[in-house]
Amino acid sequence: MTTAPINPFTFLCDEPAIEPLATLMGRGWELQPQLDGEGNLERFTGAFTWTDDGYVDALRVKSKTDAAAIRVDHAGGKVREHDGDALDILHQLLELPAPSDPLAPRLVLGSAPQLWVL
């Protein structure tokens, strides 16, 4: 008898993860699942473009403990990058000020890697 593998994304169905994910989607984030060869969810990515400023925020979640987010400016310069627990990353994205906000990060830290393709 074989048992089904544990899905690393079941945490997304729990109350703590639904709220920040739904809020990002409500703000206009585009989220895309990426499936493996057998049709199982391997990761999901997301992006939001700040049309007034030319900045892009991007998100990649592989599991509850493996997520990353990045903000790049209009020239592709990385101004913020963080990785770690998916719930922490989601909450940090909710708290990240708009690029036009005086408290938003602006210092370019380097060139951004190629953004995840949606």
C-alpha atoms as a PDB file:
ATOM      1  CA  MET A   1       0.000   0.000   0.000  1.00  0.00           C
ATOM      2  CA  THR A   2       1.393   3.387  -0.971  1.00  0.00           C
ATOM      3  CA  THR A   3       0.529   6.638   0.685  1.00  0.00           C
ATOM      4  CA  ALA A   4       0.157   9.934  -1.089  1.00  0.00           C
ATOM      5  CA  PRO A   5       3.061  12.328  -0.567  1.00  0.00           C
ATOM      6  CA  ILE A   6       2.439  15.224   1.788  1.00  0.00           C
ATOM      7  CA  ASN A   7       1.725  18.377  -0.163  1.00  0.00           C
ATOM      8  CA  PRO A   8       4.119  21.173   0.933  1.00  0.00           C
ATOM      9  CA  PHE A   9       1.419  23.745   0.141  1.00  0.00           C
ATOM     10  CA  THR A  10      -1.298  22.576   2.531  1.00  0.00           C
ATOM     11  CA  PHE A  11      -0.328  25.449   4.848  1.00  0.00           C
ATOM     12  CA  LEU A  12      -1.908  27.820   2.302  1.00  0.00           C
ATOM     13  CA  CYS A  13      -5.316  26.457   3.274  1.00  0.00           C
ATOM     14  CA  ASP A  14      -4.807  27.414   6.921  1.00  0.00           C
ATOM     15  CA  GLU A  15      -6.193  30.646   8.327  1.00  0.00           C
ATOM     16  CA  PRO A  16      -2.827  32.383   8.925  1.00  0.00           C
ATOM     17  CA  ALA A  17      -1.818  32.108   5.251  1.00  0.00           C
ATOM     18  CA  ILE A  18      -5.159  32.771   3.572  1.00  0.00           C
ATOM     19  CA  GLU A  19      -5.469  36.371   4.763  1.00  0.00           C
ATOM     20  CA  PRO A  20      -2.131  37.780   3.496  1.00  0.00           C
ATOM     21  CA  LEU A  21      -2.356  35.819   0.247  1.00  0.00           C
ATOM     22  CA  ALA A  22      -5.924  37.016  -0.384  1.00  0.00           C
ATOM     23  CA  THR A  23      -4.913  40.595   0.450  1.00  0.00           C
ATOM     24  CA  LEU A  24      -2.058  40.502  -2.078  1.00  0.00           C
ATOM     25  CA  MET A  25      -4.419  39.137  -4.723  1.00  0.00           C
ATOM     26  CA  GLY A  26      -6.910  41.877  -3.868  1.00  0.00           C
ATOM     27  CA  ARG A  27      -4.178  44.446  -4.434  1.00  0.00           C
ATOM     28  CA  GLY A  28      -3.673  43.182  -7.969  1.00  0.00           C
ATOM     29  CA  TRP A  29      -0.876  40.668  -7.580  1.00  0.00           C
ATOM     30  CA  GLU A  30      -0.733  38.101 -10.376  1.00  0.00           C
ATOM     31  CA  LEU A  31      -0.038  34.629  -8.988  1.00  0.00           C
ATOM     32  CA  GLN A  32       0.945  31.665 -11.122  1.00  0.00           C
ATOM     33  CA  PRO A  33       1.291  28.020 -10.095  1.00  0.00           C
ATOM     34  CA  GLN A  34       4.174  26.034 -11.538  1.00  0.00           C
ATOM     35  CA  LEU A  35       3.595  22.307 -11.847  1.00  0.00           C
ATOM     36  CA  ASP A  36       6.085  19.461 -12.076  1.00  0.00           C
ATOM     37  CA  GLY A  37       5.976  16.785 -14.797  1.00  0.00           C
ATOM     38  CA  GLU A  38       3.297  14.842 -12.909  1.00  0.00           C
ATOM     39  CA  GLY A  39       0.988  17.826 -12.494  1.00  0.00           C
ATOM     40  CA  ASN A  40       1.822  18.447  -8.833  1.00  0.00           C
ATOM     41  CA  LEU A  41       2.301  21.987  -7.571  1.00  0.00           C
ATOM     42  CA  GLU A  42       6.043  22.568  -7.404  1.00  0.00           C
ATOM     43  CA  ARG A  43       6.002  26.274  -6.509  1.00  0.00           C
ATOM     44  CA  PHE A  44       4.044  29.388  -7.164  1.00  0.00           C
ATOM     45  CA  THR A  45       5.285  32.768  -8.189  1.00  0.00           C
ATOM     46  CA  GLY A  46       3.726  36.178  -8.152  1.00  0.00           C
ATOM     47  CA  ALA A  47       4.425  39.698  -9.292  1.00  0.00           C
ATOM     48  CA  PHE A  48       3.063  43.188  -8.913  1.00  0.00           C
ATOM     49  CA  THR A  49       4.094  46.132 -11.087  1.00  0.00           C
ATOM     50  CA  TRP A  50       3.932  49.628  -9.637  1.00  0.00           C
ATOM     51  CA  THR A  51       2.903  51.393 -12.831  1.00  0.00           C
ATOM     52  CA  ASP A  52       3.525  54.921 -11.518  1.00  0.00           C
ATOM     53  CA  ASP A  53       7.063  54.175 -10.365  1.00  0.00           C
ATOM     54  CA  GLY A  54       8.248  51.382 -12.657  1.00  0.00           C
ATOM     55  CA  TYR A  55       9.124  49.120  -9.729  1.00  0.00           C
ATOM     56  CA  VAL A  56       8.248  45.417  -9.615  1.00  0.00           C
ATOM     57  CA  ASP A  57       7.715  43.252  -6.550  1.00  0.00           C
ATOM     58  CA  ALA A  58       8.066  39.505  -7.080  1.00  0.00           C
ATOM     59  CA  LEU A  59       7.398  36.467  -4.909  1.00  0.00           C
ATOM     60  CA  ARG A  60       8.402  32.789  -5.069  1.00  0.00           C
ATOM     61  CA  VAL A  61       7.071  30.130  -2.689  1.00  0.00           C
ATOM     62  CA  LYS A  62       8.376  26.545  -2.786  1.00  0.00           C
ATOM     63  CA  SER A  63       7.099  25.455   0.638  1.00  0.00           C
ATOM     64  CA  LYS A  64       6.115  26.803   4.040  1.00  0.00           C
ATOM     65  CA  THR A  65       9.781  27.304   4.936  1.00  0.00           C
ATOM     66  CA  ASP A  66      11.194  28.237   1.517  1.00  0.00           C
ATOM     67  CA  ALA A  67      10.025  31.538   0.066  1.00  0.00           C
ATOM     68  CA  ALA A  68      11.612  34.683  -1.343  1.00  0.00           C
ATOM     69  CA  ALA A  69      10.588  38.166  -2.379  1.00  0.00           C
ATOM     70  CA  ILE A  70      12.380  40.887  -4.286  1.00  0.00           C
ATOM     71  CA  ARG A  71      11.721  44.489  -5.355  1.00  0.00           C
ATOM     72  CA  VAL A  72      13.513  45.888  -8.395  1.00  0.00           C
ATOM     73  CA  ASP A  73      13.521  49.395  -9.813  1.00  0.00           C
ATOM     74  CA  HIS A  74      12.738  50.368 -13.414  1.00  0.00           C
ATOM     75  CA  ALA A  75      16.336  49.642 -14.459  1.00  0.00           C
ATOM     76  CA  GLY A  76      16.412  46.185 -12.859  1.00  0.00           C
ATOM     77  CA  GLY A  77      18.354  47.293  -9.787  1.00  0.00           C
ATOM     78  CA  LYS A  78      17.563  45.224  -6.712  1.00  0.00           C
ATOM     79  CA  VAL A  79      16.337  47.484  -3.889  1.00  0.00           C
ATOM     80  CA  ARG A  80      15.017  44.828  -1.512  1.00  0.00           C
ATOM     81  CA  GLU A  81      15.392  41.070  -1.240  1.00  0.00           C
ATOM     82  CA  HIS A  82      14.385  38.672   1.501  1.00  0.00           C
ATOM     83  CA  ASP A  83      13.994  34.937   1.860  1.00  0.00           C
ATOM     84  CA  GLY A  84      12.760  32.589   4.561  1.00  0.00           C
ATOM     85  CA  ASP A  85       9.434  31.387   5.937  1.00  0.00           C
ATOM     86  CA  ALA A  86       6.517  31.861   3.522  1.00  0.00           C
ATOM     87  CA  LEU A  87       4.204  33.458   6.091  1.00  0.00           C
ATOM     88  CA  ASP A  88       6.902  35.939   7.121  1.00  0.00           C
ATOM     89  CA  ILE A  89       7.539  36.838   3.481  1.00  0.00           C
ATOM     90  CA  LEU A  90       3.812  37.321   2.782  1.00  0.00           C
ATOM     91  CA  HIS A  91       3.427  39.610   5.801  1.00  0.00           C
ATOM     92  CA  GLN A  92       6.546  41.582   4.871  1.00  0.00           C
ATOM     93  CA  LEU A  93       5.140  42.171   1.395  1.00  0.00           C
ATOM     94  CA  LEU A  94       1.926  43.503   2.950  1.00  0.00           C
ATOM     95  CA  GLU A  95       3.922  45.917   5.103  1.00  0.00           C
ATOM     96  CA  LEU A  96       6.332  47.016   2.358  1.00  0.00           C
ATOM     97  CA  PRO A  97       5.581  50.661   1.517  1.00  0.00           C
ATOM     98  CA  ALA A  98       4.827  51.730  -2.031  1.00  0.00           C
ATOM     99  CA  PRO A  99       7.958  52.859  -3.898  1.00  0.00           C
ATOM    100  CA  SER A 100       6.742  56.476  -3.770  1.00  0.00           C
ATOM    101  CA  ASP A 101       6.438  56.384   0.046  1.00  0.00           C
ATOM    102  CA  PRO A 102       9.268  58.242   1.827  1.00  0.00           C
ATOM    103  CA  LEU A 103       9.900  55.143   3.975  1.00  0.00           C
ATOM    104  CA  ALA A 104      10.241  52.769   1.008  1.00  0.00           C
ATOM    105  CA  PRO A 105      13.650  51.206   0.275  1.00  0.00           C
ATOM    106  CA  ARG A 106      15.460  52.990  -2.567  1.00  0.00           C
ATOM    107  CA  LEU A 107      19.127  52.111  -2.276  1.00  0.00           C
ATOM    108  CA  VAL A 108      20.079  49.839  -5.152  1.00  0.00           C
ATOM    109  CA  LEU A 109      21.795  46.779  -3.707  1.00  0.00           C
ATOM    110  CA  GLY A 110      22.918  45.327  -7.035  1.00  0.00           C
ATOM    111  CA  SER A 111      21.506  43.958 -10.232  1.00  0.00           C
ATOM    112  CA  ALA A 112      18.527  41.730  -9.863  1.00  0.00           C
ATOM    113  CA  PRO A 113      18.626  38.150 -11.084  1.00  0.00           C
ATOM    114  CA  GLN A 114      16.325  37.386 -13.967  1.00  0.00           C
ATOM    115  CA  LEU A 115      12.809  37.627 -12.567  1.00  0.00           C
ATOM    116  CA  TRP A 116      10.739  34.472 -12.445  1.00  0.00           C
ATOM    117  CA  VAL A 117       8.717  34.001 -15.574  1.00  0.00           C
ATOM    118  CA  LEU A 118       4.985  33.997 -14.965  1.00  0.00           C
END
